[in-house]
Amino acid sequence: MAYVYMLRCADGSLYTGIARDIGRRMREHFYRMKSGAKYTKSHSPAALEMVWETKEWSDAARLEYHIKRLEKVRKEQLIRRPEDVETLFGEKLKGAHYKAREDLRLADLLTEPKEAGMEADRLQRQLDFIMELDKEKEIVRQTYLADGSRKETDAEHAWHLAIMCCILSEYANEPIDVAKTVMMLLTHDLVEIDAGDTYAYDVAGNATKRERELRAADRLYGLLPAEQAAYMRSLWDEFEAMETPEAKFANTLDKVQPVLLTDAADGKSWKEHGVQDSWLWKRNARTHEGSERLWELVRELVEKNTENGNIKRDQEPGGALPSGR
């Protein structure tokens, strides 16, 4: 048999592909193997929307070609009514027949065939990942605790953000899946176990940050069993892309929390690093996308700390307040 499938990526786009072994092809896409498609490597597949089964490879290739030429709105219609595929394309399919396989579940396709000893190996991989995460407790950030006594760690930062999400989700611009966003926040800085914490205003460090963190993500999430690795990695990719409501709100909280703590600590880290107001406006240019209300709070705190001297007022062009809209 041959299969034509449609994947939805984290940014909402749709990818259409073809396969003989549909399970193996899903694992290639979601586990980012070298044989995965170039598009899904850069757009992070999130869900399997539809699969059609046919007898001949040439028939599958023909259907793939015609679906790819559709506008996105027509692809969405086809997902809702997969049985219309032959009617939609008519003679272009040269009489081939296609069966919509709505029974195929992505979780089942991503599961590797079980072999002797696999269960023990799976548990060991999970434990290896869990023990590796212990290192996050040692990654020190530049943000001080509210009392200014010491700097927080990545693990403390992630815990704080997760609690903030549960408490403040009502201020998100759009409805969000709170549980998913909490998991995203708890794991968004795991890559710093390898890549280290890069201070927000470290120009040289930020120039190599993306490359370092991608390598870290490949190694760390690769410790897990394949389907768990795919899920955890997809959350990190989604957070980085900042395109879904959950990712936007998570990024907003990630920007708000250091401002809250530093304000409470009388601007300690801002004064130590000579932070200017324009740096903060630039860093928070997209904070409003997750929550307009929390963005207003950030503006108020930055303005207050600029007035009292904890943040330097930038006299150079480009230091003006962004509108946030």
Protein backbone atom coordinates (compact mmCIF):
# COMPACT_ATOMS: atom_id res chain seq x y z
CA MET A 1 0.00 0.00 0.00
CA ALA A 2 0.97 3.66 -0.34
CA TYR A 3 -0.14 6.57 1.81
CA VAL A 4 -0.71 10.30 1.37
CA TYR A 5 -0.78 12.27 4.62
CA MET A 6 -1.26 15.82 5.86
CA LEU A 7 0.56 17.19 8.92
CA ARG A 8 -0.24 20.36 10.79
CA CYS A 9 2.85 22.22 11.98
CA ALA A 10 3.24 24.33 15.13
CA ASP A 11 2.77 27.54 13.11
CA GLY A 12 -0.57 26.29 11.71
CA SER A 13 0.75 25.50 8.23
CA LEU A 14 -0.02 22.19 6.50
CA TYR A 15 2.50 19.77 5.01
CA THR A 16 1.48 17.03 2.54
CA GLY A 17 3.68 14.00 2.04
CA ILE A 18 3.76 10.43 0.72
CA ALA A 19 5.00 7.18 2.28
CA ARG A 20 5.01 3.41 1.97
CA ASP A 21 5.56 2.82 5.71
CA ILE A 22 3.42 5.51 7.34
CA GLY A 23 4.66 4.75 10.87
CA ARG A 24 8.30 5.00 9.92
CA ARG A 25 7.67 8.24 8.01
CA MET A 26 5.95 9.81 11.03
CA ARG A 27 8.91 8.90 13.23
CA GLU A 28 11.26 10.47 10.70
CA HIS A 29 9.26 13.72 10.75
CA PHE A 30 8.68 13.96 14.50
CA TYR A 31 12.04 12.69 15.70
CA ARG A 32 13.94 14.98 13.30
CA MET A 33 15.95 12.24 11.66
CA LYS A 34 18.15 13.23 8.74
CA SER A 35 15.69 11.57 6.37
CA GLY A 36 12.80 13.79 7.54
CA ALA A 37 11.46 16.47 5.19
CA LYS A 38 13.23 19.83 5.06
CA TYR A 39 9.93 21.64 5.66
CA THR A 40 9.02 19.75 8.82
CA LYS A 41 12.53 20.16 10.22
CA SER A 42 12.06 23.92 10.20
CA HIS A 43 8.31 24.11 10.94
CA SER A 44 7.93 21.59 13.80
CA PRO A 45 5.12 19.13 13.01
CA ALA A 46 2.47 19.05 15.74
CA ALA A 47 -0.38 16.81 14.56
CA LEU A 48 -1.39 14.25 11.93
CA GLU A 49 -4.54 15.61 10.28
CA MET A 50 -5.40 13.01 7.62
CA VAL A 51 -4.13 9.89 5.85
CA TRP A 52 -5.37 8.37 2.59
CA GLU A 53 -4.46 4.82 1.58
CA THR A 54 -4.19 3.58 -2.00
CA LYS A 55 -2.75 0.52 -3.74
CA GLU A 56 -0.20 2.06 -6.10
CA TRP A 57 2.70 4.41 -5.38
CA SER A 58 1.97 6.30 -8.60
CA ASP A 59 -1.61 6.93 -7.45
CA ALA A 60 -0.37 8.24 -4.11
CA ALA A 61 2.14 10.51 -5.82
CA ARG A 62 -0.61 11.88 -8.08
CA LEU A 63 -2.85 12.74 -5.13
CA GLU A 64 0.04 14.31 -3.20
CA TYR A 65 0.80 16.55 -6.18
CA HIS A 66 -2.76 17.84 -6.49
CA ILE A 67 -3.26 18.42 -2.75
CA LYS A 68 -0.06 20.44 -2.58
CA ARG A 69 -1.40 22.76 -5.26
CA LEU A 70 -4.55 23.60 -3.26
CA GLU A 71 -4.93 26.81 -1.29
CA LYS A 72 -4.85 26.31 2.48
CA VAL A 73 -8.59 26.91 2.87
CA ARG A 74 -9.33 24.06 0.43
CA LYS A 75 -6.90 21.79 2.28
CA GLU A 76 -8.78 22.50 5.51
CA GLN A 77 -12.03 21.55 3.79
CA LEU A 78 -10.48 18.32 2.59
CA ILE A 79 -9.39 17.46 6.13
CA ARG A 80 -12.97 17.92 7.32
CA ARG A 81 -14.38 15.85 4.42
CA PRO A 82 -11.64 13.42 3.36
CA GLU A 83 -14.13 11.26 1.49
CA ASP A 84 -14.48 14.06 -1.11
CA VAL A 85 -10.95 13.59 -2.42
CA GLU A 86 -11.90 11.68 -5.58
CA THR A 87 -14.80 14.02 -6.35
CA LEU A 88 -12.64 17.10 -5.83
CA PHE A 89 -9.94 16.09 -8.31
CA GLY A 90 -12.07 14.01 -10.71
CA GLU A 91 -10.29 12.72 -13.81
CA LYS A 92 -6.94 14.06 -12.60
CA LEU A 93 -6.65 10.94 -10.44
CA LYS A 94 -7.11 8.63 -13.45
CA GLY A 95 -9.67 6.40 -11.75
CA ALA A 96 -7.58 5.60 -8.68
CA HIS A 97 -9.38 4.93 -5.39
CA TYR A 98 -8.36 6.29 -2.00
CA LYS A 99 -9.46 5.19 1.46
CA ALA A 100 -9.48 7.79 4.24
CA ARG A 101 -7.69 6.21 7.22
CA GLU A 102 -9.22 8.22 10.04
CA ASP A 103 -8.50 5.29 12.36
CA LEU A 104 -4.73 5.90 12.34
CA ARG A 105 -3.54 7.59 15.56
CA LEU A 106 -0.30 9.53 15.62
CA ALA A 107 0.66 8.14 19.04
CA ASP A 108 0.45 4.59 17.67
CA LEU A 109 2.45 5.45 14.56
CA LEU A 110 5.20 7.08 16.62
CA THR A 111 5.64 4.01 18.81
CA GLU A 112 8.56 1.87 17.74
CA PRO A 113 7.86 -1.87 17.34
CA LYS A 114 8.43 -3.53 20.72
CA GLU A 115 11.41 -5.80 21.15
CA ALA A 116 12.76 -7.81 24.05
CA GLY A 117 14.24 -5.56 26.69
CA MET A 118 12.65 -2.42 25.25
CA GLU A 119 10.59 -1.66 28.37
CA ALA A 120 13.67 -1.74 30.60
CA ASP A 121 15.58 0.42 28.14
CA ARG A 122 12.68 2.89 28.01
CA LEU A 123 12.66 3.33 31.78
CA GLN A 124 16.42 3.79 31.83
CA ARG A 125 16.24 6.50 29.16
CA GLN A 126 13.53 8.29 31.11
CA LEU A 127 15.59 8.11 34.32
CA ASP A 128 18.69 9.35 32.48
CA PHE A 129 16.71 12.39 31.29
CA ILE A 130 15.28 13.05 34.75
CA MET A 131 18.72 12.92 36.39
CA GLU A 132 20.18 15.17 33.69
CA LEU A 133 17.53 17.78 34.57
CA ASP A 134 18.97 18.01 38.07
CA LYS A 135 21.73 20.14 36.54
CA GLU A 136 19.21 22.93 35.87
CA LYS A 137 19.29 23.66 39.60
CA GLU A 138 22.91 24.76 39.18
CA ILE A 139 22.39 27.23 36.32
CA VAL A 140 22.50 30.70 37.87
CA ARG A 141 20.67 33.57 36.19
CA GLN A 142 21.42 37.29 36.49
CA THR A 143 18.07 38.06 38.16
CA TYR A 144 18.13 38.37 41.94
CA LEU A 145 15.50 37.00 44.29
CA ALA A 146 12.95 39.58 45.42
CA ASP A 147 14.91 40.25 48.62
CA GLY A 148 18.16 40.78 46.68
CA SER A 149 19.99 38.15 48.76
CA ARG A 150 21.20 36.01 45.84
CA LYS A 151 20.57 35.26 42.17
CA GLU A 152 17.90 32.73 41.18
CA THR A 153 18.57 29.49 39.33
CA ASP A 154 16.95 28.30 36.10
CA ALA A 155 14.93 25.72 38.02
CA GLU A 156 13.56 28.37 40.38
CA HIS A 157 12.78 30.62 37.43
CA ALA A 158 10.85 27.83 35.64
CA TRP A 159 8.87 26.94 38.78
CA HIS A 160 7.98 30.60 39.33
CA LEU A 161 6.76 31.00 35.74
CA ALA A 162 4.63 27.85 35.96
CA ILE A 163 2.86 29.17 39.07
CA MET A 164 2.43 32.58 37.42
CA CYS A 165 0.76 30.91 34.44
CA CYS A 166 -1.78 29.17 36.68
CA ILE A 167 -2.57 32.41 38.52
CA LEU A 168 -2.42 34.94 35.67
CA SER A 169 -3.79 32.99 32.68
CA GLU A 170 -6.98 35.09 32.80
CA TYR A 171 -4.93 38.02 31.46
CA ALA A 172 -3.82 36.22 28.30
CA ASN A 173 -4.97 38.00 25.14
CA GLU A 174 -6.43 34.74 23.83
CA PRO A 175 -7.70 31.59 25.59
CA ILE A 176 -4.83 29.21 26.30
CA ASP A 177 -4.33 25.59 27.29
CA VAL A 178 -2.95 26.24 30.78
CA ALA A 179 -1.56 22.73 31.33
CA LYS A 180 0.31 22.82 28.02
CA THR A 181 1.67 26.31 28.75
CA VAL A 182 2.82 25.22 32.21
CA MET A 183 4.75 22.30 30.70
CA MET A 184 6.23 24.67 28.11
CA LEU A 185 7.42 27.00 30.87
CA LEU A 186 8.83 24.22 33.02
CA THR A 187 10.97 22.98 30.14
CA HIS A 188 11.77 26.13 28.11
CA ASP A 189 15.19 26.68 29.70
CA LEU A 190 16.39 23.07 29.91
CA VAL A 191 18.71 23.75 26.98
CA GLU A 192 20.73 26.00 29.29
CA ILE A 193 22.07 22.86 30.99
CA ASP A 194 24.41 22.66 27.98
CA ALA A 195 24.19 26.16 26.51
CA GLY A 196 24.40 28.10 29.78
CA ASP A 197 22.36 31.16 30.71
CA THR A 198 22.86 34.02 28.28
CA TYR A 199 22.25 37.40 29.90
CA ALA A 200 19.55 39.34 28.07
CA TYR A 201 21.88 42.24 27.26
CA ASP A 202 25.04 40.25 26.44
CA VAL A 203 25.50 41.12 22.75
CA ALA A 204 28.31 38.64 22.10
CA GLY A 205 26.57 35.82 23.95
CA ASN A 206 23.29 36.35 22.14
CA ALA A 207 25.06 36.15 18.77
CA THR A 208 25.76 32.43 19.35
CA LYS A 209 22.83 31.63 21.63
CA ARG A 210 20.56 30.04 19.00
CA GLU A 211 23.24 27.71 17.69
CA ARG A 212 24.26 26.61 21.19
CA GLU A 213 20.68 25.99 22.25
CA LEU A 214 19.79 23.96 19.15
CA ARG A 215 22.70 21.62 19.83
CA ALA A 216 21.60 21.35 23.45
CA ALA A 217 18.01 20.57 22.48
CA ASP A 218 19.15 17.78 20.16
CA ARG A 219 21.19 16.14 22.92
CA LEU A 220 18.90 16.64 25.91
CA TYR A 221 15.57 15.69 24.36
CA GLY A 222 17.33 12.87 22.52
CA LEU A 223 17.86 11.17 25.88
CA LEU A 224 14.14 10.35 26.05
CA PRO A 225 12.23 7.56 24.29
CA ALA A 226 11.34 8.71 20.80
CA GLU A 227 7.71 9.75 21.20
CA GLN A 228 8.40 11.62 24.46
CA ALA A 229 11.43 13.27 22.88
CA ALA A 230 9.25 14.45 20.00
CA TYR A 231 6.61 15.92 22.33
CA MET A 232 9.06 17.69 24.64
CA ARG A 233 11.09 19.05 21.73
CA SER A 234 7.92 20.29 20.02
CA LEU A 235 7.06 22.35 23.13
CA TRP A 236 10.47 24.01 23.06
CA ASP A 237 10.24 24.69 19.33
CA GLU A 238 6.76 26.15 19.82
CA PHE A 239 8.00 28.43 22.62
CA GLU A 240 10.87 29.65 20.45
CA ALA A 241 8.64 30.28 17.42
CA MET A 242 6.24 32.39 19.55
CA GLU A 243 3.32 32.01 17.16
CA THR A 244 0.62 30.16 19.15
CA PRO A 245 -1.41 31.76 21.99
CA GLU A 246 0.33 29.47 24.49
CA ALA A 247 3.81 30.37 23.26
CA LYS A 248 3.04 34.09 23.23
CA PHE A 249 1.73 34.04 26.80
CA ALA A 250 4.66 31.90 27.97
CA ASN A 251 7.11 34.39 26.44
CA THR A 252 5.25 37.27 28.07
CA LEU A 253 5.59 35.66 31.50
CA ASP A 254 9.28 34.99 30.79
CA LYS A 255 9.76 38.74 30.28
CA VAL A 256 7.49 39.91 33.11
CA GLN A 257 8.98 37.79 35.92
CA PRO A 258 12.51 39.31 35.86
CA VAL A 259 11.01 42.81 35.86
CA LEU A 260 8.87 41.97 38.91
CA LEU A 261 11.83 40.51 40.82
CA THR A 262 14.29 43.23 39.88
CA ASP A 263 11.82 45.95 40.83
CA ALA A 264 11.32 44.24 44.22
CA ALA A 265 15.12 44.04 44.67
CA ASP A 266 15.41 47.81 44.12
CA GLY A 267 16.81 47.40 40.61
CA LYS A 268 19.89 45.52 41.82
CA SER A 269 20.82 43.67 38.60
CA TRP A 270 19.85 46.67 36.43
CA LYS A 271 22.26 48.88 38.39
CA GLU A 272 25.03 46.26 38.34
CA HIS A 273 24.86 45.99 34.54
CA GLY A 274 24.14 49.66 33.80
CA VAL A 275 20.92 48.75 31.99
CA GLN A 276 19.37 51.52 29.89
CA ASP A 277 15.66 51.98 29.33
CA SER A 278 15.97 51.46 25.56
CA TRP A 279 17.42 48.00 26.19
CA LEU A 280 14.32 47.05 28.13
CA TRP A 281 11.95 48.47 25.51
CA LYS A 282 13.73 46.53 22.80
CA ARG A 283 13.70 43.30 24.82
CA ASN A 284 10.00 43.71 25.54
CA ALA A 285 8.96 44.70 22.02
CA ARG A 286 6.68 41.63 21.76
CA THR A 287 5.63 41.26 25.39
CA HIS A 288 2.20 42.73 24.61
CA GLU A 289 1.44 39.87 22.20
CA GLY A 290 0.74 37.50 25.07
CA SER A 291 -1.01 39.92 27.42
CA GLU A 292 -1.77 43.60 26.98
CA ARG A 293 -2.53 43.90 30.70
CA LEU A 294 0.81 42.47 31.81
CA TRP A 295 2.59 44.61 29.22
CA GLU A 296 1.07 47.70 30.85
CA LEU A 297 2.44 46.50 34.18
CA VAL A 298 5.92 46.15 32.69
CA ARG A 299 5.74 49.67 31.26
CA GLU A 300 4.73 51.11 34.61
CA LEU A 301 7.59 49.37 36.45
CA VAL A 302 10.23 50.32 33.87
CA GLU A 303 9.08 53.95 33.89
CA LYS A 304 9.15 54.03 37.70
CA ASN A 305 12.66 52.56 37.87
CA THR A 306 13.89 54.93 35.18
CA GLU A 307 12.55 57.88 37.16
CA ASN A 308 14.23 56.75 40.38
CA GLY A 309 17.57 56.03 38.67
CA ASN A 310 17.65 52.22 38.87
CA ILE A 311 17.54 52.18 35.06
CA LYS A 312 19.58 54.65 33.03
CA ARG A 313 17.67 56.91 30.70
CA ASP A 314 19.02 56.48 27.19
CA GLN A 315 19.76 59.76 25.48
CA GLU A 316 20.50 58.12 22.14
CA PRO A 317 17.95 57.78 19.29
CA GLY A 318 15.84 54.66 19.54
CA GLY A 319 15.17 54.94 23.24
CA ALA A 320 11.54 55.96 22.91
CA LEU A 321 8.73 53.85 24.38
CA PRO A 322 7.22 51.40 21.88
CA SER A 323 3.46 51.60 21.61
CA GLY A 324 3.07 47.91 22.34
CA ARG A 325 0.31 47.63 19.78
